[in-house]
Amino acid sequence: MADYQGGKAYGQMLDRQAAELDEINRQFQSSGTYDDVEDLEEKLKQYKAQFIRFDLDLSGDIDEMELKQMLEKLEQPKTHREIRKMIASVDTSDSGTISYSEFLIMMLGGKNSVLRMILIFEEKAKPKAKPTGIAKKMSLHDLGIRPDMAQHLG
């Protein structure tokens, strides 16, 4: 059962979860199964941060509601049926949730699940930063107008 005290207790829970996920990352690195994955250590760090961000109750699993909220934040809302299907495609332990190990297998494995695709392209879903300040003064050349055509502009 989760402890919702907040503050110090929450920080301790977060530290405990981070340590557990670090141990799983070490197991994945030493297993030899993913030796061909480029930048494995960096990817594991990124996946750990993603997992922690979406495991809202720090249970160590991403459940149906957490996955639903995650997809809504990524502007990829799904129905409950679609979410159950996504979890079932990854959930090898039949727990009805996605454990960190299952999450890593999905992200590092060759199987292209819908959830994996959404997470991989998460960065592309973020809005691009708009330029700020006064726009640069442009010449006719910058606008693609040939000098011989400029006389026709007025």
Protein backbone atom coordinates (compact mmCIF):
# COMPACT_ATOMS: atom_id res chain seq x y z
CA MET A 1 0.00 0.00 0.00
CA ALA A 2 1.33 3.42 -0.95
CA ASP A 3 2.25 5.95 1.72
CA TYR A 4 0.86 9.36 0.73
CA GLN A 5 2.52 11.44 3.48
CA GLY A 6 4.45 13.52 0.98
CA GLY A 7 7.62 15.43 1.78
CA LYS A 8 10.37 13.33 3.32
CA ALA A 9 8.48 10.03 3.04
CA TYR A 10 7.81 10.63 -0.66
CA GLY A 11 11.48 11.46 -1.26
CA GLN A 12 12.51 8.23 0.48
CA MET A 13 10.07 6.22 -1.64
CA LEU A 14 11.43 7.88 -4.79
CA ASP A 15 15.02 7.12 -3.74
CA ARG A 16 14.10 3.49 -2.97
CA GLN A 17 12.41 3.09 -6.36
CA ALA A 18 15.38 4.69 -8.17
CA ALA A 19 17.76 2.26 -6.44
CA GLU A 20 15.58 -0.72 -7.43
CA LEU A 21 15.44 0.44 -11.04
CA ASP A 22 19.21 1.01 -11.06
CA GLU A 23 19.67 -2.61 -9.97
CA ILE A 24 17.42 -3.82 -12.80
CA ASN A 25 19.43 -1.64 -15.22
CA ARG A 26 22.66 -3.30 -14.01
CA GLN A 27 21.10 -6.73 -14.58
CA PHE A 28 20.12 -5.75 -18.14
CA GLN A 29 23.64 -4.45 -18.84
CA SER A 30 25.37 -7.55 -17.51
CA SER A 31 22.98 -10.09 -19.08
CA GLY A 32 24.67 -9.90 -22.49
CA THR A 33 21.27 -9.99 -24.21
CA TYR A 34 21.41 -6.33 -25.20
CA ASP A 35 25.14 -5.96 -25.93
CA ASP A 36 24.32 -4.98 -29.53
CA VAL A 37 22.18 -2.00 -28.39
CA GLU A 38 24.04 1.23 -29.07
CA ASP A 39 24.48 3.51 -26.02
CA LEU A 40 22.77 0.96 -23.77
CA GLU A 41 23.74 2.70 -20.52
CA GLU A 42 22.39 6.07 -21.71
CA LYS A 43 19.17 4.51 -23.00
CA LEU A 44 18.61 2.73 -19.70
CA LYS A 45 18.97 6.06 -17.87
CA GLN A 46 16.42 7.67 -20.20
CA TYR A 47 13.99 4.76 -19.83
CA LYS A 48 14.35 4.85 -16.04
CA ALA A 49 13.45 8.57 -16.02
CA GLN A 50 10.46 7.91 -18.30
CA PHE A 51 9.25 5.04 -16.15
CA ILE A 52 9.54 7.03 -12.91
CA ARG A 53 7.67 9.94 -14.48
CA PHE A 54 4.71 7.73 -15.36
CA ASP A 55 4.67 5.43 -12.30
CA LEU A 56 2.67 8.03 -10.38
CA ASP A 57 2.09 5.95 -7.23
CA LEU A 58 5.69 4.62 -7.16
CA SER A 59 4.37 1.06 -7.05
CA GLY A 60 7.03 -0.18 -9.46
CA ASP A 61 4.42 -0.90 -12.14
CA ILE A 62 2.54 1.20 -14.67
CA ASP A 63 -1.13 0.35 -14.32
CA GLU A 64 -4.06 1.07 -16.61
CA MET A 65 -4.84 4.54 -15.22
CA GLU A 66 -1.19 5.62 -15.18
CA LEU A 67 -0.80 4.54 -18.80
CA LYS A 68 -4.00 6.37 -19.72
CA GLN A 69 -2.74 9.58 -18.07
CA MET A 70 0.67 9.19 -19.70
CA LEU A 71 -0.83 8.85 -23.18
CA GLU A 72 -3.12 11.81 -22.59
CA LYS A 73 -0.10 13.94 -21.60
CA LEU A 74 1.56 12.87 -24.84
CA GLU A 75 -1.60 13.89 -26.71
CA GLN A 76 -2.24 10.26 -27.70
CA PRO A 77 -5.44 9.44 -25.76
CA LYS A 78 -6.69 5.86 -25.96
CA THR A 79 -9.82 4.05 -24.82
CA HIS A 80 -9.69 1.70 -21.84
CA ARG A 81 -9.95 -1.25 -24.23
CA GLU A 82 -6.96 -0.01 -26.26
CA ILE A 83 -4.97 0.54 -23.07
CA ARG A 84 -5.70 -2.98 -21.80
CA LYS A 85 -4.58 -4.30 -25.19
CA MET A 86 -1.35 -2.27 -25.01
CA ILE A 87 -0.61 -3.58 -21.53
CA ALA A 88 -1.40 -7.17 -22.55
CA SER A 89 1.06 -6.94 -25.46
CA VAL A 90 3.89 -6.11 -23.01
CA ASP A 91 2.78 -7.82 -19.78
CA THR A 92 4.61 -11.17 -19.73
CA SER A 93 3.71 -11.89 -16.09
CA ASP A 94 -0.08 -11.50 -16.58
CA SER A 95 -0.21 -8.98 -13.73
CA GLY A 96 -2.33 -6.49 -15.68
CA THR A 97 0.44 -3.90 -15.30
CA ILE A 98 3.79 -3.10 -16.90
CA SER A 99 6.76 -3.74 -14.62
CA TYR A 100 10.06 -1.94 -15.21
CA SER A 101 11.63 -5.12 -16.61
CA GLU A 102 8.73 -5.55 -19.04
CA PHE A 103 9.04 -1.87 -19.95
CA LEU A 104 12.75 -2.31 -20.74
CA ILE A 105 12.15 -5.47 -22.76
CA MET A 106 9.56 -3.57 -24.78
CA MET A 107 11.82 -0.55 -25.33
CA LEU A 108 15.00 -2.50 -26.09
CA GLY A 109 13.46 -5.44 -27.92
CA GLY A 110 12.71 -5.74 -31.59
CA LYS A 111 8.95 -5.98 -31.18
CA ASN A 112 7.28 -2.74 -32.27
CA SER A 113 4.34 -2.24 -29.97
CA VAL A 114 2.11 0.82 -30.27
CA LEU A 115 3.21 1.94 -26.81
CA ARG A 116 6.89 1.69 -27.75
CA MET A 117 6.33 3.78 -30.87
CA ILE A 118 4.54 6.47 -28.88
CA LEU A 119 7.31 6.62 -26.28
CA ILE A 120 10.11 6.63 -28.84
CA PHE A 121 8.55 9.57 -30.65
CA GLU A 122 7.59 11.39 -27.45
CA GLU A 123 10.14 14.10 -28.16
CA LYS A 124 8.67 14.75 -31.59
CA ALA A 125 5.25 15.25 -30.02
CA LYS A 126 6.52 18.14 -27.93
CA PRO A 127 5.84 21.56 -29.42
CA LYS A 128 8.84 23.27 -30.95
CA ALA A 129 10.10 26.43 -29.27
CA LYS A 130 8.91 29.49 -31.13
CA PRO A 131 11.40 32.24 -31.85
CA THR A 132 11.14 35.24 -29.59
CA GLY A 133 11.99 38.89 -30.10
CA ILE A 134 11.89 41.05 -33.16
CA ALA A 135 12.05 39.30 -36.51
CA LYS A 136 15.23 39.69 -38.56
CA LYS A 137 15.07 42.32 -41.29
CA MET A 138 14.94 40.50 -44.61
CA SER A 139 16.04 41.60 -48.05
CA LEU A 140 14.29 40.75 -51.31
CA HIS A 141 16.98 38.10 -51.85
CA ASP A 142 16.12 36.50 -48.47
CA LEU A 143 12.51 36.29 -49.62
CA GLY A 144 13.52 34.58 -52.85
CA ILE A 145 12.72 37.55 -55.12
CA ARG A 146 15.14 38.10 -57.99
CA PRO A 147 16.41 41.67 -58.43
CA ASP A 148 15.01 41.83 -61.98
CA MET A 149 11.54 40.96 -60.60
CA ALA A 150 11.69 43.63 -57.85
CA GLN A 151 10.74 46.38 -60.33
CA HIS A 152 7.34 44.71 -60.80
CA LEU A 153 6.51 44.99 -57.07
CA GLY A 154 5.71 48.63 -57.21
